[in-house]
Amino acid sequence: MKKYFVTALVLFATTTAIFAQKRHKTPPNQPIAKDSAALVNKALQASGANNPEPAKPKKIWDLSKRSADHFMFELGYDNWAGTPDSIHIQGFNRSANFYVMFDFPFKTDQRLSIGVGLGIGSSNIFFHQQEVLVAAYSNQSLAFPDESTTNHYKKFKLVTTYLEAPVELRFALDPEHMDQSWKFAIGTKIGLMLSAYTKAKDLLNPAGGTIANYIQKESSTQFFNTPKLAGTVRVSKGVIGVFGQFQANALIKSSAGPSVFPYSFGIVVSGL
């Protein structure tokens, strides 16, 4: 018995020592962590996170052959917005505008440019069996007498002429070849009325018979707002395009008649 007791005691002591040695074993050292970091860096490099693609160089357009100045011609259909029923506008109302323009490309993006110019704009508005008494100096307001049941003129129109300065913000898809590129522009026209006159032709009786063949003109700007401010838009392909404009301020003075706002749209010919 004594022999077996001593043997069991030795086995217990040996097992306890081995267990204690395993519990106090040194933890994994730093090289393992370094290996993990190396693996993470290698994965990031493979995914491209640490190597972003370089920015593409900005395209430089060659504008050496592009003219800095050019002509712009507009031919449009005209009318008035806000006309009351007492005003009888009828016929092919038209406008013709001619400008000398100068173009200033942006340095940051040469597809963009500012266009400024100076020119003349004119508008012709026709009236049916009605006069516009622009030269009636004794009147306090601009009169539009209805002459459908009395003597009237076969043709009667009001012509207004302005000195205008257009300003545009332009965008061209291909600024090196403006004669072929799509072009877009928005802007404004600042104008000053130079003249306003009426032109009457051939006096008729109520039945339409001719009373006299002659032309009569009367001129005065007394009833009109002489400054002009209009918004413009233009879309072109090559040298041919379409345009539109709308006058922001009323044509007739507020104390002299109804608030009407001229507008126009049509064809434009322009190199830029």
C-alpha atoms as a PDB file:
ATOM      1  CA  MET A   1       0.000   0.000   0.000  1.00  0.00           C
ATOM      2  CA  LYS A   2       2.727   2.394   0.891  1.00  0.00           C
ATOM      3  CA  LYS A   3       4.355   1.732  -2.468  1.00  0.00           C
ATOM      4  CA  TYR A   4       1.162   2.546  -4.370  1.00  0.00           C
ATOM      5  CA  PHE A   5       0.590   5.728  -2.361  1.00  0.00           C
ATOM      6  CA  VAL A   6       4.060   7.110  -3.212  1.00  0.00           C
ATOM      7  CA  THR A   7       3.604   6.292  -6.902  1.00  0.00           C
ATOM      8  CA  ALA A   8       0.252   8.181  -7.036  1.00  0.00           C
ATOM      9  CA  LEU A   9       1.771  11.185  -5.281  1.00  0.00           C
ATOM     10  CA  VAL A  10       4.615  11.418  -7.847  1.00  0.00           C
ATOM     11  CA  LEU A  11       2.156  11.226 -10.794  1.00  0.00           C
ATOM     12  CA  PHE A  12       0.007  14.020  -9.285  1.00  0.00           C
ATOM     13  CA  ALA A  13       3.000  16.318  -8.792  1.00  0.00           C
ATOM     14  CA  THR A  14       4.258  15.693 -12.343  1.00  0.00           C
ATOM     15  CA  THR A  15       0.821  16.423 -13.901  1.00  0.00           C
ATOM     16  CA  THR A  16       0.448  19.641 -11.903  1.00  0.00           C
ATOM     17  CA  ALA A  17       3.860  20.908 -13.043  1.00  0.00           C
ATOM     18  CA  ILE A  18       3.090  20.224 -16.705  1.00  0.00           C
ATOM     19  CA  PHE A  19      -0.307  22.025 -16.477  1.00  0.00           C
ATOM     20  CA  ALA A  20       1.276  25.054 -14.813  1.00  0.00           C
ATOM     21  CA  GLN A  21       3.923  25.241 -17.537  1.00  0.00           C
ATOM     22  CA  LYS A  22       1.234  25.313 -20.280  1.00  0.00           C
ATOM     23  CA  ARG A  23      -0.743  28.088 -18.510  1.00  0.00           C
ATOM     24  CA  HIS A  24       2.287  30.383 -18.298  1.00  0.00           C
ATOM     25  CA  LYS A  25       3.435  29.825 -21.908  1.00  0.00           C
ATOM     26  CA  THR A  26       4.629  33.002 -23.707  1.00  0.00           C
ATOM     27  CA  PRO A  27       1.938  34.518 -26.069  1.00  0.00           C
ATOM     28  CA  PRO A  28       2.562  34.832 -29.837  1.00  0.00           C
ATOM     29  CA  ASN A  29       5.241  37.425 -30.592  1.00  0.00           C
ATOM     30  CA  GLN A  30       5.168  40.540 -32.867  1.00  0.00           C
ATOM     31  CA  PRO A  31       6.312  39.002 -36.142  1.00  0.00           C
ATOM     32  CA  ILE A  32       2.859  37.449 -36.490  1.00  0.00           C
ATOM     33  CA  ALA A  33       1.247  40.943 -36.326  1.00  0.00           C
ATOM     34  CA  LYS A  34       3.780  42.213 -38.839  1.00  0.00           C
ATOM     35  CA  ASP A  35       2.881  39.442 -41.201  1.00  0.00           C
ATOM     36  CA  SER A  36      -0.834  40.374 -40.895  1.00  0.00           C
ATOM     37  CA  ALA A  37      -0.114  44.032 -41.711  1.00  0.00           C
ATOM     38  CA  ALA A  38       1.891  42.981 -44.749  1.00  0.00           C
ATOM     39  CA  LEU A  39      -1.023  40.888 -45.993  1.00  0.00           C
ATOM     40  CA  VAL A  40      -3.459  43.818 -45.554  1.00  0.00           C
ATOM     41  CA  ASN A  41      -1.157  46.184 -47.468  1.00  0.00           C
ATOM     42  CA  LYS A  42      -0.777  43.664 -50.260  1.00  0.00           C
ATOM     43  CA  ALA A  43      -4.601  43.344 -50.514  1.00  0.00           C
ATOM     44  CA  LEU A  44      -5.029  47.135 -50.655  1.00  0.00           C
ATOM     45  CA  GLN A  45      -2.435  47.408 -53.399  1.00  0.00           C
ATOM     46  CA  ALA A  46      -4.175  44.703 -55.390  1.00  0.00           C
ATOM     47  CA  SER A  47      -7.483  46.582 -55.102  1.00  0.00           C
ATOM     48  CA  GLY A  48      -5.872  49.910 -56.166  1.00  0.00           C
ATOM     49  CA  ALA A  49      -6.880  51.790 -53.008  1.00  0.00           C
ATOM     50  CA  ASN A  50      -3.341  53.040 -52.424  1.00  0.00           C
ATOM     51  CA  ASN A  51      -2.751  53.794 -56.111  1.00  0.00           C
ATOM     52  CA  PRO A  52      -5.589  56.054 -57.430  1.00  0.00           C
ATOM     53  CA  GLU A  53      -5.618  56.736 -61.166  1.00  0.00           C
ATOM     54  CA  PRO A  54      -3.991  60.064 -62.083  1.00  0.00           C
ATOM     55  CA  ALA A  55      -6.357  62.861 -63.195  1.00  0.00           C
ATOM     56  CA  LYS A  56      -6.803  63.133 -66.950  1.00  0.00           C
ATOM     57  CA  PRO A  57      -5.078  66.199 -68.430  1.00  0.00           C
ATOM     58  CA  LYS A  58      -7.424  69.014 -69.477  1.00  0.00           C
ATOM     59  CA  LYS A  59      -7.915  69.269 -73.234  1.00  0.00           C
ATOM     60  CA  ILE A  60      -6.353  72.368 -74.758  1.00  0.00           C
ATOM     61  CA  TRP A  61      -8.234  73.602 -77.818  1.00  0.00           C
ATOM     62  CA  ASP A  62      -6.426  75.301 -80.676  1.00  0.00           C
ATOM     63  CA  LEU A  63      -8.331  78.530 -81.290  1.00  0.00           C
ATOM     64  CA  SER A  64      -5.651  80.200 -83.391  1.00  0.00           C
ATOM     65  CA  LYS A  65      -7.832  80.003 -86.517  1.00  0.00           C
ATOM     66  CA  ARG A  66     -10.986  81.161 -84.763  1.00  0.00           C
ATOM     67  CA  SER A  67     -12.020  84.744 -85.450  1.00  0.00           C
ATOM     68  CA  ALA A  68     -12.591  86.977 -82.435  1.00  0.00           C
ATOM     69  CA  ASP A  69     -15.235  89.065 -84.192  1.00  0.00           C
ATOM     70  CA  HIS A  70     -18.080  88.200 -86.525  1.00  0.00           C
ATOM     71  CA  PHE A  71     -21.493  89.286 -87.778  1.00  0.00           C
ATOM     72  CA  MET A  72     -24.833  88.049 -86.506  1.00  0.00           C
ATOM     73  CA  PHE A  73     -28.055  88.446 -88.503  1.00  0.00           C
ATOM     74  CA  GLU A  74     -31.544  87.587 -87.225  1.00  0.00           C
ATOM     75  CA  LEU A  75     -34.802  87.405 -89.162  1.00  0.00           C
ATOM     76  CA  GLY A  76     -37.843  86.707 -87.017  1.00  0.00           C
ATOM     77  CA  TYR A  77     -41.583  86.693 -86.541  1.00  0.00           C
ATOM     78  CA  ASP A  78     -42.777  89.352 -84.063  1.00  0.00           C
ATOM     79  CA  ASN A  79     -45.829  89.824 -81.881  1.00  0.00           C
ATOM     80  CA  TRP A  80     -46.927  91.334 -78.582  1.00  0.00           C
ATOM     81  CA  ALA A  81     -47.830  89.439 -75.415  1.00  0.00           C
ATOM     82  CA  GLY A  82     -50.569  90.874 -73.217  1.00  0.00           C
ATOM     83  CA  THR A  83     -52.521  92.681 -75.943  1.00  0.00           C
ATOM     84  CA  PRO A  84     -56.162  93.480 -75.111  1.00  0.00           C
ATOM     85  CA  ASP A  85     -59.007  92.560 -77.482  1.00  0.00           C
ATOM     86  CA  SER A  86     -59.162  96.164 -78.689  1.00  0.00           C
ATOM     87  CA  ILE A  87     -55.797  95.824 -80.477  1.00  0.00           C
ATOM     88  CA  HIS A  88     -56.043  93.983 -83.816  1.00  0.00           C
ATOM     89  CA  ILE A  89     -52.596  92.676 -84.749  1.00  0.00           C
ATOM     90  CA  GLN A  90     -52.664  90.712 -87.976  1.00  0.00           C
ATOM     91  CA  GLY A  91     -50.332  89.667 -90.790  1.00  0.00           C
ATOM     92  CA  PHE A  92     -46.701  88.683 -91.098  1.00  0.00           C
ATOM     93  CA  ASN A  93     -45.145  90.774 -88.344  1.00  0.00           C
ATOM     94  CA  ARG A  94     -41.403  90.640 -88.735  1.00  0.00           C
ATOM     95  CA  SER A  95     -38.095  91.816 -87.390  1.00  0.00           C
ATOM     96  CA  ALA A  96     -34.593  92.148 -88.802  1.00  0.00           C
ATOM     97  CA  ASN A  97     -31.553  92.573 -86.554  1.00  0.00           C
ATOM     98  CA  PHE A  98     -27.907  93.018 -87.446  1.00  0.00           C
ATOM     99  CA  TYR A  99     -24.953  93.020 -85.007  1.00  0.00           C
ATOM    100  CA  VAL A 100     -21.166  93.066 -84.937  1.00  0.00           C
ATOM    101  CA  MET A 101     -20.089  90.648 -82.188  1.00  0.00           C
ATOM    102  CA  PHE A 102     -16.842  90.046 -80.285  1.00  0.00           C
ATOM    103  CA  ASP A 103     -16.048  86.705 -78.656  1.00  0.00           C
ATOM    104  CA  PHE A 104     -13.989  86.134 -75.469  1.00  0.00           C
ATOM    105  CA  PRO A 105     -13.309  82.438 -74.637  1.00  0.00           C
ATOM    106  CA  PHE A 106     -12.901  81.319 -71.030  1.00  0.00           C
ATOM    107  CA  LYS A 107      -9.366  80.296 -70.025  1.00  0.00           C
ATOM    108  CA  THR A 108     -10.662  77.566 -67.706  1.00  0.00           C
ATOM    109  CA  ASP A 109     -12.864  75.941 -70.360  1.00  0.00           C
ATOM    110  CA  GLN A 110     -12.501  77.127 -73.942  1.00  0.00           C
ATOM    111  CA  ARG A 111     -15.864  75.652 -74.914  1.00  0.00           C
ATOM    112  CA  LEU A 112     -17.391  78.538 -72.953  1.00  0.00           C
ATOM    113  CA  SER A 113     -17.168  82.157 -74.040  1.00  0.00           C
ATOM    114  CA  ILE A 114     -18.737  85.571 -73.571  1.00  0.00           C
ATOM    115  CA  GLY A 115     -20.070  87.366 -76.640  1.00  0.00           C
ATOM    116  CA  VAL A 116     -20.748  91.102 -76.685  1.00  0.00           C
ATOM    117  CA  GLY A 117     -21.730  93.297 -79.589  1.00  0.00           C
ATOM    118  CA  LEU A 118     -23.516  96.308 -80.973  1.00  0.00           C
ATOM    119  CA  GLY A 119     -26.068  96.690 -83.733  1.00  0.00           C
ATOM    120  CA  ILE A 120     -29.489  97.708 -84.943  1.00  0.00           C
ATOM    121  CA  GLY A 121     -32.806  95.936 -84.366  1.00  0.00           C
ATOM    122  CA  SER A 122     -36.129  96.756 -86.015  1.00  0.00           C
ATOM    123  CA  SER A 123     -39.675  95.431 -85.618  1.00  0.00           C
ATOM    124  CA  ASN A 124     -42.703  95.715 -87.912  1.00  0.00           C
ATOM    125  CA  ILE A 125     -46.168  95.111 -86.399  1.00  0.00           C
ATOM    126  CA  PHE A 126     -49.197  95.158 -88.741  1.00  0.00           C
ATOM    127  CA  PHE A 127     -52.736  96.148 -87.742  1.00  0.00           C
ATOM    128  CA  HIS A 128     -56.053  95.213 -89.359  1.00  0.00           C
ATOM    129  CA  GLN A 129     -58.506  98.073 -90.013  1.00  0.00           C
ATOM    130  CA  GLN A 130     -56.940 100.064 -87.211  1.00  0.00           C
ATOM    131  CA  GLU A 131     -54.576 102.976 -86.732  1.00  0.00           C
ATOM    132  CA  VAL A 132     -51.987 103.679 -84.049  1.00  0.00           C
ATOM    133  CA  LEU A 133     -51.898 107.404 -83.345  1.00  0.00           C
ATOM    134  CA  VAL A 134     -48.263 107.828 -82.328  1.00  0.00           C
ATOM    135  CA  ALA A 135     -48.169 111.506 -83.348  1.00  0.00           C
ATOM    136  CA  ALA A 136     -51.375 112.631 -81.600  1.00  0.00           C
ATOM    137  CA  TYR A 137     -49.638 115.159 -79.383  1.00  0.00           C
ATOM    138  CA  SER A 138     -52.866 116.378 -77.789  1.00  0.00           C
ATOM    139  CA  ASN A 139     -53.620 112.865 -76.461  1.00  0.00           C
ATOM    140  CA  GLN A 140     -52.554 111.693 -73.022  1.00  0.00           C
ATOM    141  CA  SER A 141     -52.359 108.057 -74.131  1.00  0.00           C
ATOM    142  CA  LEU A 142     -51.628 106.040 -77.249  1.00  0.00           C
ATOM    143  CA  ALA A 143     -54.892 105.507 -79.157  1.00  0.00           C
ATOM    144  CA  PHE A 144     -55.780 102.442 -81.280  1.00  0.00           C
ATOM    145  CA  PRO A 145     -59.020 103.532 -83.022  1.00  0.00           C
ATOM    146  CA  ASP A 146     -61.092 100.755 -84.613  1.00  0.00           C
ATOM    147  CA  GLU A 147     -61.882 101.633 -88.243  1.00  0.00           C
ATOM    148  CA  SER A 148     -63.658  98.447 -89.355  1.00  0.00           C
ATOM    149  CA  THR A 149     -66.875 100.391 -90.096  1.00  0.00           C
ATOM    150  CA  THR A 150     -65.287 103.575 -91.462  1.00  0.00           C
ATOM    151  CA  ASN A 151     -62.628 104.571 -93.934  1.00  0.00           C
ATOM    152  CA  HIS A 152     -59.403 102.672 -93.233  1.00  0.00           C
ATOM    153  CA  TYR A 153     -56.039 101.893 -94.743  1.00  0.00           C
ATOM    154  CA  LYS A 154     -55.334  98.775 -96.762  1.00  0.00           C
ATOM    155  CA  LYS A 155     -52.034  98.332 -94.912  1.00  0.00           C
ATOM    156  CA  PHE A 156     -50.989  99.883 -91.629  1.00  0.00           C
ATOM    157  CA  LYS A 157     -47.933  99.077 -89.538  1.00  0.00           C
ATOM    158  CA  LEU A 158     -45.912 100.335 -86.581  1.00  0.00           C
ATOM    159  CA  VAL A 159     -42.123 100.258 -86.978  1.00  0.00           C
ATOM    160  CA  THR A 160     -39.781 100.552 -84.009  1.00  0.00           C
ATOM    161  CA  THR A 161     -35.986 100.759 -84.319  1.00  0.00           C
ATOM    162  CA  TYR A 162     -33.430 100.243 -81.550  1.00  0.00           C
ATOM    163  CA  LEU A 163     -29.728 100.599 -80.980  1.00  0.00           C
ATOM    164  CA  GLU A 164     -28.967  97.296 -79.225  1.00  0.00           C
ATOM    165  CA  ALA A 165     -26.080  95.719 -77.331  1.00  0.00           C
ATOM    166  CA  PRO A 166     -26.413  91.919 -77.093  1.00  0.00           C
ATOM    167  CA  VAL A 167     -24.512  90.012 -74.377  1.00  0.00           C
ATOM    168  CA  GLU A 168     -24.356  86.197 -74.502  1.00  0.00           C
ATOM    169  CA  LEU A 169     -22.956  83.282 -72.525  1.00  0.00           C
ATOM    170  CA  ARG A 170     -22.011  80.705 -75.159  1.00  0.00           C
ATOM    171  CA  PHE A 171     -21.162  77.004 -75.201  1.00  0.00           C
ATOM    172  CA  ALA A 172     -19.747  75.155 -78.219  1.00  0.00           C
ATOM    173  CA  LEU A 173     -19.239  71.397 -78.382  1.00  0.00           C
ATOM    174  CA  ASP A 174     -16.254  71.829 -80.727  1.00  0.00           C
ATOM    175  CA  PRO A 175     -14.747  75.318 -80.357  1.00  0.00           C
ATOM    176  CA  GLU A 176     -12.031  74.556 -82.924  1.00  0.00           C
ATOM    177  CA  HIS A 177     -14.590  74.078 -85.730  1.00  0.00           C
ATOM    178  CA  MET A 178     -17.348  76.594 -85.066  1.00  0.00           C
ATOM    179  CA  ASP A 179     -18.621  76.353 -88.642  1.00  0.00           C
ATOM    180  CA  GLN A 180     -19.654  72.740 -87.961  1.00  0.00           C
ATOM    181  CA  SER A 181     -20.244  72.530 -84.213  1.00  0.00           C
ATOM    182  CA  TRP A 182     -23.446  72.631 -82.180  1.00  0.00           C
ATOM    183  CA  LYS A 183     -23.624  75.940 -80.292  1.00  0.00           C
ATOM    184  CA  PHE A 184     -25.869  77.171 -77.493  1.00  0.00           C
ATOM    185  CA  ALA A 185     -26.247  80.690 -76.073  1.00  0.00           C
ATOM    186  CA  ILE A 186     -28.338  82.524 -73.501  1.00  0.00           C
ATOM    187  CA  GLY A 187     -28.153  86.220 -72.850  1.00  0.00           C
ATOM    188  CA  THR A 188     -29.776  89.600 -72.924  1.00  0.00           C
ATOM    189  CA  LYS A 189     -30.195  92.587 -75.216  1.00  0.00           C
ATOM    190  CA  ILE A 190     -29.977  96.106 -73.858  1.00  0.00           C
ATOM    191  CA  GLY A 191     -31.471  98.619 -76.236  1.00  0.00           C
ATOM    192  CA  LEU A 192     -32.407 102.246 -76.736  1.00  0.00           C
ATOM    193  CA  MET A 193     -35.286 103.208 -79.018  1.00  0.00           C
ATOM    194  CA  LEU A 194     -34.119 105.378 -81.897  1.00  0.00           C
ATOM    195  CA  SER A 195     -37.457 105.842 -83.641  1.00  0.00           C
ATOM    196  CA  ALA A 196     -41.098 104.787 -83.716  1.00  0.00           C
ATOM    197  CA  TYR A 197     -43.260 105.552 -86.722  1.00  0.00           C
ATOM    198  CA  THR A 198     -46.372 104.343 -88.496  1.00  0.00           C
ATOM    199  CA  LYS A 199     -46.742 103.730 -92.205  1.00  0.00           C
ATOM    200  CA  ALA A 200     -50.195 103.744 -93.845  1.00  0.00           C
ATOM    201  CA  LYS A 201     -50.873 102.777 -97.453  1.00  0.00           C
ATOM    202  CA  ASP A 202     -53.980 103.188 -99.689  1.00  0.00           C
ATOM    203  CA  LEU A 203     -57.117 104.624 -98.096  1.00  0.00           C
ATOM    204  CA  LEU A 204     -60.239 102.435 -98.503  1.00  0.00           C
ATOM    205  CA  ASN A 205     -63.940 103.011 -97.814  1.00  0.00           C
ATOM    206  CA  PRO A 206     -65.935 100.676 -95.495  1.00  0.00           C
ATOM    207  CA  ALA A 207     -66.833  98.434 -98.444  1.00  0.00           C
ATOM    208  CA  GLY A 208     -63.163  98.024 -99.378  1.00  0.00           C
ATOM    209  CA  GLY A 209     -63.204 100.363-102.383  1.00  0.00           C
ATOM    210  CA  THR A 210     -60.184 102.529-103.016  1.00  0.00           C
ATOM    211  CA  ILE A 211     -60.525 106.209-102.113  1.00  0.00           C
ATOM    212  CA  ALA A 212     -56.915 107.249-102.699  1.00  0.00           C
ATOM    213  CA  ASN A 213     -53.550 105.644-103.313  1.00  0.00           C
ATOM    214  CA  TYR A 214     -50.838 107.202-101.201  1.00  0.00           C
ATOM    215  CA  ILE A 215     -48.431 106.485 -98.331  1.00  0.00           C
ATOM    216  CA  GLN A 216     -48.565 108.368 -95.043  1.00  0.00           C
ATOM    217  CA  LYS A 217     -45.949 108.272 -92.268  1.00  0.00           C
ATOM    218  CA  GLU A 218     -46.107 109.677 -88.752  1.00  0.00           C
ATOM    219  CA  SER A 219     -43.309 109.499 -86.209  1.00  0.00           C
ATOM    220  CA  SER A 220     -43.010 109.970 -82.431  1.00  0.00           C
ATOM    221  CA  THR A 221     -41.631 108.109 -79.392  1.00  0.00           C
ATOM    222  CA  GLN A 222     -43.698 110.071 -76.846  1.00  0.00           C
ATOM    223  CA  PHE A 223     -45.842 107.101 -75.715  1.00  0.00           C
ATOM    224  CA  PHE A 224     -43.105 104.455 -75.623  1.00  0.00           C
ATOM    225  CA  ASN A 225     -40.535 103.306 -73.087  1.00  0.00           C
ATOM    226  CA  THR A 226     -37.314 104.055 -74.923  1.00  0.00           C
ATOM    227  CA  PRO A 227     -35.059 101.677 -72.912  1.00  0.00           C
ATOM    228  CA  LYS A 228     -35.324  97.996 -73.786  1.00  0.00           C
ATOM    229  CA  LEU A 229     -34.296  94.878 -71.853  1.00  0.00           C
ATOM    230  CA  ALA A 230     -34.911  91.475 -73.420  1.00  0.00           C
ATOM    231  CA  GLY A 231     -33.873  87.908 -72.612  1.00  0.00           C
ATOM    232  CA  THR A 232     -32.480  85.837 -75.485  1.00  0.00           C
ATOM    233  CA  VAL A 233     -31.753  82.203 -76.329  1.00  0.00           C
ATOM    234  CA  ARG A 234     -30.032  80.740 -79.391  1.00  0.00           C
ATOM    235  CA  VAL A 235     -29.267  77.233 -80.722  1.00  0.00           C
ATOM    236  CA  SER A 236     -27.155  76.743 -83.858  1.00  0.00           C
ATOM    237  CA  LYS A 237     -25.539  73.998 -85.911  1.00  0.00           C
ATOM    238  CA  GLY A 238     -22.723  75.516 -87.889  1.00  0.00           C
ATOM    239  CA  VAL A 239     -23.644  79.019 -89.058  1.00  0.00           C
ATOM    240  CA  ILE A 240     -27.442  78.466 -89.150  1.00  0.00           C
ATOM    241  CA  GLY A 241     -29.665  78.359 -86.102  1.00  0.00           C
ATOM    242  CA  VAL A 242     -32.845  79.487 -84.379  1.00  0.00           C
ATOM    243  CA  PHE A 243     -33.329  82.217 -81.789  1.00  0.00           C
ATOM    244  CA  GLY A 244     -35.960  83.575 -79.454  1.00  0.00           C
ATOM    245  CA  GLN A 245     -36.274  86.726 -77.392  1.00  0.00           C
ATOM    246  CA  PHE A 246     -38.801  88.236 -74.999  1.00  0.00           C
ATOM    247  CA  GLN A 247     -38.824  91.867 -73.849  1.00  0.00           C
ATOM    248  CA  ALA A 248     -38.906  92.107 -70.065  1.00  0.00           C
ATOM    249  CA  ASN A 249     -40.142  95.699 -69.831  1.00  0.00           C
ATOM    250  CA  ALA A 250     -43.372  96.987 -71.365  1.00  0.00           C
ATOM    251  CA  LEU A 251     -43.249  98.634 -74.775  1.00  0.00           C
ATOM    252  CA  ILE A 252     -45.808 101.367 -73.949  1.00  0.00           C
ATOM    253  CA  LYS A 253     -45.491 103.650 -70.949  1.00  0.00           C
ATOM    254  CA  SER A 254     -47.722 102.630 -68.047  1.00  0.00           C
ATOM    255  CA  SER A 255     -49.535 105.972 -68.167  1.00  0.00           C
ATOM    256  CA  ALA A 256     -50.004 105.879 -71.943  1.00  0.00           C
ATOM    257  CA  GLY A 257     -51.594 102.535 -72.729  1.00  0.00           C
ATOM    258  CA  PRO A 258     -51.770  98.770 -72.120  1.00  0.00           C
ATOM    259  CA  SER A 259     -48.745  96.834 -70.918  1.00  0.00           C
ATOM    260  CA  VAL A 260     -47.655  94.836 -73.958  1.00  0.00           C
ATOM    261  CA  PHE A 261     -44.417  92.857 -74.202  1.00  0.00           C
ATOM    262  CA  PRO A 262     -42.832  92.266 -77.620  1.00  0.00           C
ATOM    263  CA  TYR A 263     -41.415  88.850 -78.425  1.00  0.00           C
ATOM    264  CA  SER A 264     -39.714  87.381 -81.450  1.00  0.00           C
ATOM    265  CA  PHE A 265     -38.419  84.037 -82.764  1.00  0.00           C
ATOM    266  CA  GLY A 266     -36.864  83.013 -86.038  1.00  0.00           C
ATOM    267  CA  ILE A 267     -33.670  82.201 -87.932  1.00  0.00           C
ATOM    268  CA  VAL A 268     -30.176  83.381 -87.037  1.00  0.00           C
ATOM    269  CA  VAL A 269     -26.983  83.351 -89.098  1.00  0.00           C
ATOM    270  CA  SER A 270     -23.797  83.607 -87.064  1.00  0.00           C
ATOM    271  CA  GLY A 271     -20.206  82.400 -87.290  1.00  0.00           C
ATOM    272  CA  LEU A 272     -19.935  81.925 -83.517  1.00  0.00           C
END
